[in-house]
Amino acid sequence: MKRSDPHIEEQALVEAAPEIAPYIDALKQKGRKTVTLALRQLLRLLREYPREPFLAAVTEAARYGLYDLDRLERMILRRVARDYFLIGEKEPEG
């Protein structure tokens, strides 16, 4: 039996980031995990990481048809590391 009511996680995601609604719809159809688990993981990513790296990674994942959320998390982490931490860069002397 198909659910007609949206999952509470989906509602929370769409309210917090309406721009990812198309990705959520595709994730529900193409993701490998059960819908509830996938939505919970996506919601956790949204809550745990800064908004801009999260949205940029979701946009890129959607462009390439990537619905593996573990891979999405690595994409977010790469952005967070690049944007928020100066890894391997020397501090200015002075």
N, C-alpha and C. Protein backbone atom coordinates (compact mmCIF):
# COMPACT_ATOMS: atom_id res chain seq x y z
N MET A 1 0.84 -1.19 0.00
CA MET A 1 0.00 0.00 0.00
C MET A 1 0.88 1.25 0.00
N LYS A 2 0.58 2.16 -0.86
CA LYS A 2 1.40 3.36 -1.00
C LYS A 2 0.88 4.43 -0.06
N ARG A 3 1.83 5.11 0.57
CA ARG A 3 1.44 6.18 1.50
C ARG A 3 1.04 7.42 0.71
N SER A 4 -0.06 8.03 1.12
CA SER A 4 -0.46 9.26 0.45
C SER A 4 0.03 10.47 1.25
N ASP A 5 0.23 10.26 2.56
CA ASP A 5 0.73 11.37 3.37
C ASP A 5 2.25 11.41 3.30
N PRO A 6 2.82 12.62 3.20
CA PRO A 6 4.27 12.70 3.16
C PRO A 6 4.88 12.28 4.50
N HIS A 7 6.06 11.76 4.45
CA HIS A 7 6.77 11.40 5.67
C HIS A 7 7.07 12.68 6.45
N ILE A 8 7.11 12.54 7.78
CA ILE A 8 7.40 13.74 8.58
C ILE A 8 8.79 14.29 8.27
N GLU A 9 9.73 13.40 7.95
CA GLU A 9 11.07 13.86 7.58
C GLU A 9 11.03 14.66 6.28
N GLU A 10 10.22 14.20 5.34
CA GLU A 10 10.10 14.93 4.08
C GLU A 10 9.50 16.31 4.31
N GLN A 11 8.50 16.39 5.14
CA GLN A 11 7.90 17.70 5.45
C GLN A 11 8.94 18.62 6.06
N ALA A 12 9.72 18.11 7.01
CA ALA A 12 10.75 18.92 7.67
C ALA A 12 11.80 19.38 6.66
N LEU A 13 12.21 18.49 5.75
CA LEU A 13 13.19 18.84 4.73
C LEU A 13 12.68 19.93 3.80
N VAL A 14 11.45 19.76 3.31
CA VAL A 14 10.90 20.72 2.35
C VAL A 14 10.66 22.07 3.01
N GLU A 15 10.26 22.05 4.29
CA GLU A 15 10.08 23.32 4.99
C GLU A 15 11.42 24.03 5.19
N ALA A 16 12.47 23.27 5.51
CA ALA A 16 13.77 23.87 5.78
C ALA A 16 14.51 24.26 4.50
N ALA A 17 14.33 23.49 3.44
CA ALA A 17 15.06 23.73 2.19
C ALA A 17 14.16 23.36 1.01
N PRO A 18 13.18 24.23 0.69
CA PRO A 18 12.23 23.90 -0.38
C PRO A 18 12.89 23.63 -1.72
N GLU A 19 14.07 24.20 -1.94
CA GLU A 19 14.76 24.05 -3.23
C GLU A 19 15.22 22.62 -3.48
N ILE A 20 15.26 21.77 -2.46
CA ILE A 20 15.70 20.39 -2.69
C ILE A 20 14.53 19.43 -2.92
N ALA A 21 13.31 19.94 -2.99
CA ALA A 21 12.13 19.07 -3.19
C ALA A 21 12.28 18.15 -4.41
N PRO A 22 12.77 18.66 -5.57
CA PRO A 22 12.93 17.74 -6.71
C PRO A 22 13.92 16.60 -6.42
N TYR A 23 14.98 16.91 -5.67
CA TYR A 23 15.96 15.87 -5.32
C TYR A 23 15.30 14.82 -4.41
N ILE A 24 14.48 15.28 -3.48
CA ILE A 24 13.78 14.36 -2.57
C ILE A 24 12.87 13.43 -3.36
N ASP A 25 12.13 13.99 -4.32
CA ASP A 25 11.24 13.16 -5.14
C ASP A 25 12.02 12.09 -5.89
N ALA A 26 13.15 12.48 -6.47
CA ALA A 26 13.98 11.53 -7.21
C ALA A 26 14.61 10.50 -6.27
N LEU A 27 15.03 10.96 -5.10
CA LEU A 27 15.63 10.06 -4.11
C LEU A 27 14.63 8.97 -3.70
N LYS A 28 13.39 9.35 -3.54
CA LYS A 28 12.37 8.37 -3.15
C LYS A 28 12.18 7.31 -4.23
N GLN A 29 12.37 7.68 -5.48
CA GLN A 29 12.19 6.72 -6.57
C GLN A 29 13.46 5.91 -6.85
N LYS A 30 14.62 6.57 -6.75
CA LYS A 30 15.85 5.95 -7.24
C LYS A 30 16.84 5.54 -6.16
N GLY A 31 16.62 6.00 -4.93
CA GLY A 31 17.56 5.67 -3.86
C GLY A 31 17.53 4.19 -3.55
N ARG A 32 18.65 3.69 -3.01
CA ARG A 32 18.75 2.26 -2.72
C ARG A 32 18.23 1.91 -1.32
N LYS A 33 18.19 2.90 -0.44
CA LYS A 33 17.71 2.64 0.92
C LYS A 33 16.19 2.77 0.95
N THR A 34 15.59 2.28 2.04
CA THR A 34 14.15 2.50 2.18
C THR A 34 13.92 4.00 2.25
N VAL A 35 12.76 4.43 1.82
CA VAL A 35 12.47 5.86 1.76
C VAL A 35 12.63 6.53 3.12
N THR A 36 12.10 5.89 4.16
CA THR A 36 12.18 6.50 5.50
C THR A 36 13.62 6.67 5.94
N LEU A 37 14.45 5.65 5.75
CA LEU A 37 15.86 5.75 6.15
C LEU A 37 16.58 6.83 5.34
N ALA A 38 16.31 6.88 4.05
CA ALA A 38 16.96 7.88 3.19
C ALA A 38 16.56 9.29 3.62
N LEU A 39 15.28 9.50 3.89
CA LEU A 39 14.82 10.83 4.30
C LEU A 39 15.41 11.22 5.64
N ARG A 40 15.50 10.27 6.56
CA ARG A 40 16.11 10.56 7.87
C ARG A 40 17.57 10.95 7.71
N GLN A 41 18.29 10.21 6.84
CA GLN A 41 19.71 10.53 6.64
C GLN A 41 19.86 11.90 5.99
N LEU A 42 19.04 12.21 5.01
CA LEU A 42 19.12 13.52 4.35
C LEU A 42 18.80 14.64 5.34
N LEU A 43 17.83 14.43 6.20
CA LEU A 43 17.48 15.42 7.21
C LEU A 43 18.63 15.62 8.19
N ARG A 44 19.28 14.52 8.56
CA ARG A 44 20.45 14.63 9.46
C ARG A 44 21.55 15.46 8.79
N LEU A 45 21.80 15.21 7.52
CA LEU A 45 22.83 15.98 6.80
C LEU A 45 22.49 17.47 6.79
N LEU A 46 21.22 17.77 6.55
CA LEU A 46 20.79 19.16 6.52
C LEU A 46 20.99 19.82 7.88
N ARG A 47 20.71 19.10 8.94
CA ARG A 47 20.83 19.66 10.29
C ARG A 47 22.27 19.75 10.77
N GLU A 48 23.12 18.81 10.33
CA GLU A 48 24.48 18.75 10.87
C GLU A 48 25.48 19.63 10.14
N TYR A 49 25.24 19.92 8.89
CA TYR A 49 26.23 20.64 8.10
C TYR A 49 25.75 22.04 7.74
N PRO A 50 26.70 22.93 7.46
CA PRO A 50 26.31 24.29 7.04
C PRO A 50 25.44 24.23 5.79
N ARG A 51 24.50 25.14 5.70
CA ARG A 51 23.49 25.12 4.64
C ARG A 51 24.09 25.22 3.23
N GLU A 52 25.02 26.16 3.02
CA GLU A 52 25.55 26.36 1.66
C GLU A 52 26.26 25.12 1.11
N PRO A 53 27.19 24.51 1.86
CA PRO A 53 27.82 23.28 1.33
C PRO A 53 26.81 22.16 1.12
N PHE A 54 25.81 22.06 1.99
CA PHE A 54 24.76 21.04 1.83
C PHE A 54 24.01 21.25 0.52
N LEU A 55 23.53 22.48 0.31
CA LEU A 55 22.74 22.77 -0.89
C LEU A 55 23.58 22.62 -2.16
N ALA A 56 24.84 23.05 -2.11
CA ALA A 56 25.71 22.92 -3.29
C ALA A 56 25.93 21.44 -3.63
N ALA A 57 26.13 20.61 -2.61
CA ALA A 57 26.35 19.18 -2.86
C ALA A 57 25.07 18.52 -3.40
N VAL A 58 23.91 18.89 -2.86
CA VAL A 58 22.65 18.32 -3.36
C VAL A 58 22.43 18.73 -4.82
N THR A 59 22.72 19.99 -5.13
CA THR A 59 22.57 20.47 -6.51
C THR A 59 23.46 19.67 -7.45
N GLU A 60 24.72 19.45 -7.05
CA GLU A 60 25.64 18.69 -7.89
C GLU A 60 25.19 17.23 -8.01
N ALA A 61 24.77 16.65 -6.89
CA ALA A 61 24.31 15.26 -6.91
C ALA A 61 23.10 15.10 -7.84
N ALA A 62 22.18 16.05 -7.78
CA ALA A 62 21.00 15.99 -8.64
C ALA A 62 21.40 16.09 -10.11
N ARG A 63 22.36 16.96 -10.40
CA ARG A 63 22.81 17.14 -11.78
C ARG A 63 23.35 15.84 -12.36
N TYR A 64 24.05 15.06 -11.52
CA TYR A 64 24.65 13.82 -12.00
C TYR A 64 23.82 12.57 -11.68
N GLY A 65 22.64 12.76 -11.10
CA GLY A 65 21.80 11.61 -10.78
C GLY A 65 22.36 10.74 -9.68
N LEU A 66 22.99 11.34 -8.68
CA LEU A 66 23.58 10.60 -7.56
C LEU A 66 22.61 10.58 -6.39
N TYR A 67 22.22 9.39 -5.96
CA TYR A 67 21.27 9.28 -4.86
C TYR A 67 21.83 8.42 -3.72
N ASP A 68 23.14 8.20 -3.73
CA ASP A 68 23.82 7.50 -2.65
C ASP A 68 24.14 8.56 -1.59
N LEU A 69 23.45 8.49 -0.46
CA LEU A 69 23.59 9.55 0.54
C LEU A 69 24.92 9.51 1.27
N ASP A 70 25.58 8.36 1.32
CA ASP A 70 26.91 8.33 1.91
C ASP A 70 27.88 9.12 1.01
N ARG A 71 27.71 8.97 -0.28
CA ARG A 71 28.53 9.74 -1.22
C ARG A 71 28.18 11.23 -1.13
N LEU A 72 26.90 11.54 -0.99
CA LEU A 72 26.49 12.93 -0.83
C LEU A 72 27.16 13.54 0.40
N GLU A 73 27.21 12.77 1.49
CA GLU A 73 27.85 13.29 2.70
C GLU A 73 29.33 13.58 2.47
N ARG A 74 30.00 12.71 1.73
CA ARG A 74 31.42 12.97 1.41
C ARG A 74 31.57 14.23 0.57
N MET A 75 30.62 14.47 -0.34
CA MET A 75 30.65 15.68 -1.16
C MET A 75 30.47 16.92 -0.28
N ILE A 76 29.59 16.82 0.70
CA ILE A 76 29.39 17.94 1.63
C ILE A 76 30.66 18.17 2.44
N LEU A 77 31.23 17.09 2.95
CA LEU A 77 32.44 17.21 3.78
C LEU A 77 33.59 17.84 3.01
N ARG A 78 33.73 17.48 1.73
CA ARG A 78 34.78 18.09 0.92
C ARG A 78 34.59 19.60 0.83
N ARG A 79 33.33 20.01 0.64
CA ARG A 79 33.04 21.45 0.56
C ARG A 79 33.29 22.13 1.90
N VAL A 80 32.87 21.49 2.98
CA VAL A 80 33.07 22.07 4.30
C VAL A 80 34.57 22.22 4.57
N ALA A 81 35.33 21.20 4.25
CA ALA A 81 36.78 21.25 4.48
C ALA A 81 37.41 22.38 3.67
N ARG A 82 36.98 22.53 2.43
CA ARG A 82 37.55 23.55 1.55
C ARG A 82 37.12 24.95 2.00
N ASP A 83 35.86 25.10 2.39
CA ASP A 83 35.33 26.43 2.69
C ASP A 83 35.62 26.91 4.10
N TYR A 84 35.73 25.98 5.05
CA TYR A 84 35.80 26.38 6.44
C TYR A 84 37.15 26.13 7.10
N PHE A 85 37.98 25.32 6.48
CA PHE A 85 39.27 25.01 7.07
C PHE A 85 40.35 25.22 6.02
N LEU A 86 41.43 25.81 6.45
CA LEU A 86 42.55 26.00 5.53
C LEU A 86 43.49 24.81 5.68
N ILE A 87 43.17 23.75 5.01
CA ILE A 87 43.94 22.52 5.11
C ILE A 87 45.15 22.60 4.20
N GLY A 88 46.31 22.39 4.79
CA GLY A 88 47.54 22.36 3.99
C GLY A 88 48.03 23.75 3.59
N GLU A 89 47.38 24.78 4.03
CA GLU A 89 47.84 26.12 3.70
C GLU A 89 48.61 26.68 4.89
N LYS A 90 49.70 27.35 4.58
CA LYS A 90 50.49 27.95 5.64
C LYS A 90 49.82 29.21 6.14
N GLU A 91 49.95 29.43 7.45
CA GLU A 91 49.42 30.67 8.00
C GLU A 91 50.35 31.80 7.61
N PRO A 92 49.80 32.99 7.37
CA PRO A 92 50.66 34.10 7.01
C PRO A 92 51.62 34.45 8.14
N GLU A 93 52.82 34.73 7.76
CA GLU A 93 53.81 35.10 8.78
C GLU A 93 53.65 36.56 9.09
N GLY A 94 53.90 36.89 10.36
CA GLY A 94 53.80 38.30 10.62
C GLY A 94 53.81 38.56 12.03
